Amino acid sequence: MTAVLRQEEPEAAPRFGATLRAALAERFGARARFDEPLSRHTSFRIGGPADAWVDVESVAELSDLFALAGAGSPGSPVFILGSGTNVLVSDRGVRGIVVHLGRGFRFVEWTVMGEQATVRAGAAVSFKRLVYDAVERGFAGLEFGEGIPGSLGGGLTMNAGAFGGEIGRVVERLEGVHLDGRIEELPRARLAFEYRRLELPPGWVITGVRLRLDRGDAAEMEARVAAAREKRKKGQPLGFPNAGSIFKNPPGAFAGSLLEEAGVKGLERGGARVSERHANFIVNQGSATAEDVRSLMEEMRERVDARSGIRLQAEVKLVGDW
């Protein structure tokens, strides 16, 4: 899942100076780290250094960080990273500040009224954790998310879905912060969910969500979760770092089928390899670079285009200084 919350990819910019570095260290202490390898924070285990990595624990801290970085101005070097799934970080890393939402954004609050439940959850909550929590409490609507990796915030940003379901269908309201520090909630009427996409105000960072779920049949929900778990276990690669599906499904077709028909399974570039189990997955065999993966993605796309005339669109987001 795209673990990137809501912030456009920063353009290449000069490394920030000693004044900002000192201010971050003073405000956040050991939670501000410099020249931090992003390979430690992505499911691909790939990525060069961020100029700065900062863990924030509250909306107030996030607002403070934006103020320190001057993040409300054009071209501000701030990037929000969730749990690091669904992203490919450049070997050259990310210029500016990479912000990670910490434990203060992992809250889950349930309000049950009869046959409906309202769930308020932080952006850093594990998607999978919320799925099992809902099923255990007897509320339906999230079973499709069994096995979807990453955080709830990343799942919302890409309108994560599988097996006919998607997160956007149960969202009632989003909570977030603008880069100028303003806190704002967006009701469903202002949210434009599309396939693997959510259109939000530029620079608006998701910090939490309110979901509306209906009570469901326990046996049916457990069966759907079990079926999703079994399907993923059989069809997706295990044992190697990866970022999930590489390409989006085009209208009326499945990217995995198109890629398999184009003969891409087993293709390699350096340490990157197209999985033999699922043609829409690239795995890191241990030494893959971001450039290996990007080169392999281009060949996969070209082979499908040549065979079917369909130009696949990337689901994995390329971030950083390319």
Protein backbone atom coordinates (compact mmCIF):
# COMPACT_ATOMS: atom_id res chain seq x y z
CA MET A 1 0.00 0.00 0.00
CA THR A 2 1.14 3.48 -0.61
CA ALA A 3 2.44 4.50 2.61
CA VAL A 4 2.84 8.00 1.57
CA LEU A 5 0.16 10.08 3.21
CA ARG A 6 -0.73 13.36 1.56
CA GLN A 7 2.11 15.44 0.19
CA GLU A 8 3.27 15.90 -3.36
CA GLU A 9 6.70 14.54 -4.20
CA PRO A 10 9.26 17.22 -3.40
CA GLU A 11 11.39 18.57 -6.21
CA ALA A 12 15.14 18.24 -5.97
CA ALA A 13 16.40 21.03 -3.73
CA PRO A 14 19.62 22.02 -1.97
CA ARG A 15 20.21 20.32 1.36
CA PHE A 16 18.85 22.48 4.16
CA GLY A 17 21.27 24.34 6.31
CA ALA A 18 22.65 24.16 9.81
CA THR A 19 20.02 26.49 11.26
CA LEU A 20 17.12 24.19 10.37
CA ARG A 21 19.10 21.13 11.45
CA ALA A 22 19.72 22.70 14.86
CA ALA A 23 16.07 23.74 15.23
CA LEU A 24 14.86 20.22 14.47
CA ALA A 25 17.31 18.68 16.91
CA GLU A 26 16.25 21.11 19.63
CA ARG A 27 12.51 20.56 19.10
CA PHE A 28 12.47 16.80 18.51
CA GLY A 29 15.66 15.54 20.13
CA ALA A 30 16.55 11.95 19.21
CA ARG A 31 13.40 11.71 17.08
CA ALA A 32 15.16 13.90 14.50
CA ARG A 33 17.83 11.95 12.62
CA PHE A 34 19.98 13.20 9.77
CA ASP A 35 21.11 11.44 6.58
CA GLU A 36 18.79 8.60 7.59
CA PRO A 37 18.82 5.63 5.13
CA LEU A 38 15.25 5.17 3.91
CA SER A 39 15.95 1.52 3.09
CA ARG A 40 15.31 0.99 6.81
CA HIS A 41 11.78 2.33 6.44
CA THR A 42 10.41 0.84 3.21
CA SER A 43 8.97 -2.62 2.55
CA PHE A 44 11.21 -2.86 -0.54
CA ARG A 45 14.25 -2.33 1.74
CA ILE A 46 15.45 0.12 -0.90
CA GLY A 47 16.14 3.85 -0.71
CA GLY A 48 18.92 6.37 -0.18
CA PRO A 49 19.18 8.86 2.69
CA ALA A 50 16.75 11.55 3.72
CA ASP A 51 18.35 14.84 4.69
CA ALA A 52 16.29 14.55 7.87
CA TRP A 53 13.90 11.99 9.33
CA VAL A 54 11.52 13.19 12.05
CA ASP A 55 9.06 11.14 14.11
CA VAL A 56 6.10 13.24 15.26
CA GLU A 57 3.67 12.11 17.96
CA SER A 58 0.81 14.63 17.76
CA VAL A 59 -0.96 17.10 15.50
CA ALA A 60 0.65 19.90 17.51
CA GLU A 61 4.12 18.52 16.80
CA LEU A 62 3.28 18.17 13.12
CA SER A 63 2.20 21.83 13.01
CA ASP A 64 5.41 22.85 14.81
CA LEU A 65 7.51 20.94 12.30
CA PHE A 66 5.76 22.61 9.37
CA ALA A 67 6.42 25.99 10.94
CA LEU A 68 10.11 25.23 11.45
CA ALA A 69 10.49 24.02 7.88
CA GLY A 70 8.51 26.88 6.38
CA ALA A 71 6.36 24.16 4.87
CA GLY A 72 3.56 26.50 3.89
CA SER A 73 5.72 28.11 1.21
CA PRO A 74 6.00 26.80 -2.38
CA GLY A 75 8.56 24.05 -2.88
CA SER A 76 8.87 23.30 0.83
CA PRO A 77 11.06 20.22 1.42
CA VAL A 78 8.62 18.13 3.45
CA PHE A 79 7.52 14.59 2.61
CA ILE A 80 5.16 12.39 4.63
CA LEU A 81 5.96 8.68 4.75
CA GLY A 82 3.73 6.09 6.39
CA SER A 83 4.85 2.50 6.90
CA GLY A 84 6.85 2.45 3.69
CA THR A 85 4.74 0.14 1.54
CA ASN A 86 3.76 0.90 -2.05
CA VAL A 87 6.72 3.26 -2.56
CA LEU A 88 10.03 3.11 -4.38
CA VAL A 89 12.54 5.58 -2.95
CA SER A 90 15.38 6.79 -5.17
CA ASP A 91 18.89 5.54 -4.55
CA ARG A 92 19.83 9.20 -4.09
CA GLY A 93 17.27 9.53 -1.33
CA VAL A 94 14.92 12.40 -0.53
CA ARG A 95 15.94 16.02 -0.16
CA GLY A 96 14.47 17.85 2.79
CA ILE A 97 12.53 16.38 5.71
CA VAL A 98 10.80 13.01 5.71
CA VAL A 99 8.10 13.02 8.37
CA HIS A 100 6.85 9.83 10.00
CA LEU A 101 3.64 9.77 12.06
CA GLY A 102 4.41 7.93 15.29
CA ARG A 103 2.54 6.23 18.12
CA GLY A 104 0.36 9.25 18.81
CA PHE A 105 -1.40 8.55 15.51
CA ARG A 106 -2.16 4.88 16.29
CA PHE A 107 -5.38 5.43 18.24
CA VAL A 108 -8.66 3.57 17.56
CA GLU A 109 -11.94 4.73 19.13
CA TRP A 110 -15.20 2.79 18.68
CA THR A 111 -18.72 4.19 19.15
CA VAL A 112 -21.48 1.61 18.69
CA MET A 113 -25.13 2.57 18.32
CA GLY A 114 -27.37 -0.39 17.56
CA GLU A 115 -26.56 -1.84 14.17
CA GLN A 116 -23.97 0.80 13.23
CA ALA A 117 -20.53 1.72 14.48
CA THR A 118 -18.43 4.82 14.05
CA VAL A 119 -14.70 4.22 14.18
CA ARG A 120 -12.25 7.08 14.65
CA ALA A 121 -8.70 5.95 13.92
CA GLY A 122 -5.30 7.55 13.49
CA ALA A 123 -3.44 7.55 10.20
CA ALA A 124 -0.63 5.36 11.59
CA VAL A 125 -2.94 2.50 12.58
CA SER A 126 -2.18 -0.80 10.84
CA PHE A 127 -4.79 -1.45 8.15
CA LYS A 128 -4.75 -5.15 8.95
CA ARG A 129 -5.22 -4.52 12.67
CA LEU A 130 -8.38 -2.52 11.97
CA VAL A 131 -9.76 -5.26 9.72
CA TYR A 132 -9.48 -7.89 12.45
CA ASP A 133 -10.78 -5.51 15.11
CA ALA A 134 -13.92 -4.83 13.05
CA VAL A 135 -14.57 -8.51 12.35
CA GLU A 136 -14.09 -9.43 16.01
CA ARG A 137 -16.65 -6.76 17.00
CA GLY A 138 -19.10 -7.96 14.35
CA PHE A 139 -19.02 -5.03 11.92
CA ALA A 140 -18.66 -5.46 8.17
CA GLY A 141 -17.09 -3.42 5.41
CA LEU A 142 -13.35 -3.93 5.85
CA GLU A 143 -12.89 -7.65 5.23
CA PHE A 144 -11.32 -6.97 1.81
CA GLY A 145 -8.35 -5.41 3.63
CA GLU A 146 -7.05 -8.66 5.12
CA GLY A 147 -3.42 -8.83 4.13
CA ILE A 148 -3.20 -5.27 2.76
CA PRO A 149 0.07 -4.03 4.23
CA GLY A 150 0.83 -0.64 5.61
CA SER A 151 -0.94 2.10 7.48
CA LEU A 152 -4.49 3.36 7.34
CA GLY A 153 -3.31 6.80 6.16
CA GLY A 154 -1.50 5.32 3.20
CA GLY A 155 -4.51 3.14 2.41
CA LEU A 156 -6.77 6.19 2.40
CA THR A 157 -4.48 8.17 0.12
CA MET A 158 -4.58 5.47 -2.54
CA ASN A 159 -8.16 4.33 -1.79
CA ALA A 160 -6.80 0.86 -1.11
CA GLY A 161 -8.95 -2.07 -2.10
CA ALA A 162 -9.06 -5.72 -3.08
CA PHE A 163 -11.56 -8.45 -3.89
CA GLY A 164 -14.28 -5.99 -4.85
CA GLY A 165 -14.00 -3.72 -1.80
CA GLU A 166 -12.25 -0.42 -1.13
CA ILE A 167 -11.72 1.82 1.89
CA GLY A 168 -13.43 4.86 0.35
CA ARG A 169 -16.87 3.25 0.61
CA VAL A 170 -16.91 3.41 4.42
CA VAL A 171 -15.22 6.79 5.01
CA GLU A 172 -17.36 9.40 6.71
CA ARG A 173 -14.78 12.11 7.42
CA LEU A 174 -11.04 12.75 7.26
CA GLU A 175 -8.92 14.70 9.72
CA GLY A 176 -5.76 16.47 8.67
CA VAL A 177 -3.33 19.37 8.77
CA HIS A 178 -2.43 21.86 6.06
CA LEU A 179 1.21 22.72 5.50
CA ASP A 180 0.59 26.16 6.99
CA GLY A 181 -0.44 24.46 10.24
CA ARG A 182 -4.23 24.77 9.89
CA ILE A 183 -6.20 21.81 11.19
CA GLU A 184 -9.25 20.87 9.12
CA GLU A 185 -11.74 18.03 8.83
CA LEU A 186 -13.08 17.08 5.41
CA PRO A 187 -16.59 15.53 5.26
CA ARG A 188 -17.38 12.82 2.77
CA ALA A 189 -19.09 15.33 0.46
CA ARG A 190 -15.71 16.96 -0.16
CA LEU A 191 -13.84 13.71 -0.84
CA ALA A 192 -13.35 12.46 -4.40
CA PHE A 193 -12.52 8.76 -4.21
CA GLU A 194 -11.48 7.09 -7.47
CA TYR A 195 -9.83 3.79 -8.34
CA ARG A 196 -6.61 3.67 -6.27
CA ARG A 197 -6.75 7.41 -5.80
CA LEU A 198 -8.12 10.08 -3.48
CA GLU A 199 -8.07 13.70 -4.57
CA LEU A 200 -7.25 16.00 -1.64
CA PRO A 201 -6.21 19.65 -1.21
CA PRO A 202 -2.54 20.07 -2.18
CA GLY A 203 -0.25 19.55 0.78
CA TRP A 204 -3.02 18.41 3.12
CA VAL A 205 -1.76 15.63 5.40
CA ILE A 206 -4.15 12.95 6.65
CA THR A 207 -3.86 12.47 10.42
CA GLY A 208 -7.04 10.50 11.12
CA VAL A 209 -10.31 9.16 9.73
CA ARG A 210 -13.87 8.48 10.82
CA LEU A 211 -15.43 5.34 9.32
CA ARG A 212 -19.06 4.16 9.36
CA LEU A 213 -19.61 0.40 9.50
CA ASP A 214 -22.77 -1.74 9.61
CA ARG A 215 -23.21 -4.85 11.70
CA GLY A 216 -22.66 -8.02 9.67
CA ASP A 217 -23.03 -11.76 9.87
CA ALA A 218 -20.05 -13.12 11.84
CA ALA A 219 -19.74 -16.36 9.87
CA GLU A 220 -19.88 -14.57 6.52
CA MET A 221 -17.29 -12.00 7.57
CA GLU A 222 -14.90 -14.62 8.87
CA ALA A 223 -15.33 -16.60 5.64
CA ARG A 224 -14.51 -13.54 3.52
CA VAL A 225 -11.41 -12.80 5.58
CA ALA A 226 -10.27 -16.43 5.38
CA ALA A 227 -10.81 -16.50 1.61
CA ALA A 228 -8.84 -13.28 1.13
CA ARG A 229 -6.02 -14.59 3.33
CA GLU A 230 -5.82 -17.87 1.42
CA LYS A 231 -5.88 -16.16 -1.97
CA ARG A 232 -3.03 -13.86 -1.01
CA LYS A 233 -1.03 -16.73 0.45
CA LYS A 234 -1.33 -18.74 -2.75
CA GLY A 235 -0.86 -15.95 -5.27
CA GLN A 236 1.61 -13.48 -3.79
CA PRO A 237 5.35 -13.81 -3.21
CA LEU A 238 6.55 -14.61 0.28
CA GLY A 239 9.99 -14.31 1.78
CA PHE A 240 11.36 -11.39 -0.29
CA PRO A 241 10.94 -7.64 0.27
CA ASN A 242 8.43 -6.08 -2.12
CA ALA A 243 6.07 -3.12 -2.38
CA GLY A 244 2.87 -4.90 -3.37
CA SER A 245 1.28 -4.55 -6.79
CA ILE A 246 3.49 -2.59 -9.16
CA PHE A 247 0.83 -1.51 -11.67
CA LYS A 248 -2.84 -0.55 -11.41
CA ASN A 249 -5.47 -2.66 -13.13
CA PRO A 250 -6.49 -0.91 -16.38
CA PRO A 251 -10.23 -0.60 -17.12
CA GLY A 252 -11.73 -3.99 -17.92
CA ALA A 253 -8.54 -5.97 -17.35
CA PHE A 254 -6.09 -7.19 -14.73
CA ALA A 255 -2.51 -5.96 -14.76
CA GLY A 256 -1.24 -9.31 -13.47
CA SER A 257 -2.84 -11.22 -16.35
CA LEU A 258 -1.56 -8.78 -18.97
CA LEU A 259 1.95 -9.00 -17.54
CA GLU A 260 1.89 -12.80 -17.39
CA GLU A 261 0.71 -12.98 -21.00
CA ALA A 262 3.59 -10.67 -21.92
CA GLY A 263 6.04 -13.17 -20.43
CA VAL A 264 7.59 -11.03 -17.72
CA LYS A 265 7.75 -13.59 -14.92
CA GLY A 266 11.33 -14.20 -13.86
CA LEU A 267 12.76 -11.12 -15.60
CA GLU A 268 15.68 -9.63 -13.68
CA ARG A 269 17.55 -6.35 -13.41
CA GLY A 270 20.42 -6.49 -10.95
CA GLY A 271 18.96 -7.66 -7.67
CA ALA A 272 15.35 -7.06 -8.71
CA ARG A 273 13.20 -9.85 -10.14
CA VAL A 274 9.61 -10.22 -11.33
CA SER A 275 8.00 -12.83 -9.11
CA GLU A 276 7.22 -16.22 -10.64
CA ARG A 277 4.16 -16.42 -8.39
CA HIS A 278 2.58 -13.15 -9.50
CA ALA A 279 3.64 -11.16 -12.55
CA ASN A 280 2.60 -7.82 -10.98
CA PHE A 281 5.11 -8.12 -8.13
CA ILE A 282 8.79 -7.22 -8.16
CA VAL A 283 10.90 -8.65 -5.34
CA ASN A 284 14.20 -7.48 -3.93
CA GLN A 285 16.47 -10.54 -3.92
CA GLY A 286 18.76 -8.82 -1.44
CA SER A 287 20.82 -6.38 -3.46
CA ALA A 288 18.29 -4.54 -5.64
CA THR A 289 18.63 -0.81 -6.19
CA ALA A 290 15.83 1.60 -6.96
CA GLU A 291 17.22 1.96 -10.47
CA ASP A 292 17.06 -1.83 -10.91
CA VAL A 293 13.38 -1.77 -10.02
CA ARG A 294 12.55 1.26 -12.15
CA SER A 295 14.32 -0.26 -15.17
CA LEU A 296 12.43 -3.51 -14.67
CA MET A 297 9.13 -1.61 -14.41
CA GLU A 298 9.79 0.06 -17.74
CA GLU A 299 10.49 -3.24 -19.48
CA MET A 300 7.34 -4.75 -18.00
CA ARG A 301 5.30 -1.79 -19.21
CA GLU A 302 6.86 -1.88 -22.69
CA ARG A 303 6.21 -5.60 -23.11
CA VAL A 304 2.54 -5.22 -22.23
CA ASP A 305 2.20 -2.18 -24.48
CA ALA A 306 3.78 -4.03 -27.41
CA ARG A 307 1.57 -7.07 -26.96
CA SER A 308 -1.79 -5.51 -26.12
CA GLY A 309 -1.54 -1.79 -26.78
CA ILE A 310 -2.35 -1.09 -23.12
CA ARG A 311 -0.08 1.33 -21.27
CA LEU A 312 0.01 0.29 -17.63
CA GLN A 313 0.02 2.96 -14.94
CA ALA A 314 2.23 2.53 -11.88
CA GLU A 315 0.56 1.84 -8.54
CA VAL A 316 3.87 2.05 -6.72
CA LYS A 317 4.82 5.69 -6.17
CA LEU A 318 8.34 6.79 -7.10
CA VAL A 319 9.60 9.30 -4.57
CA GLY A 320 12.78 11.22 -3.93
CA ASP A 321 15.63 12.67 -5.95
CA TRP A 322 15.56 10.85 -9.28
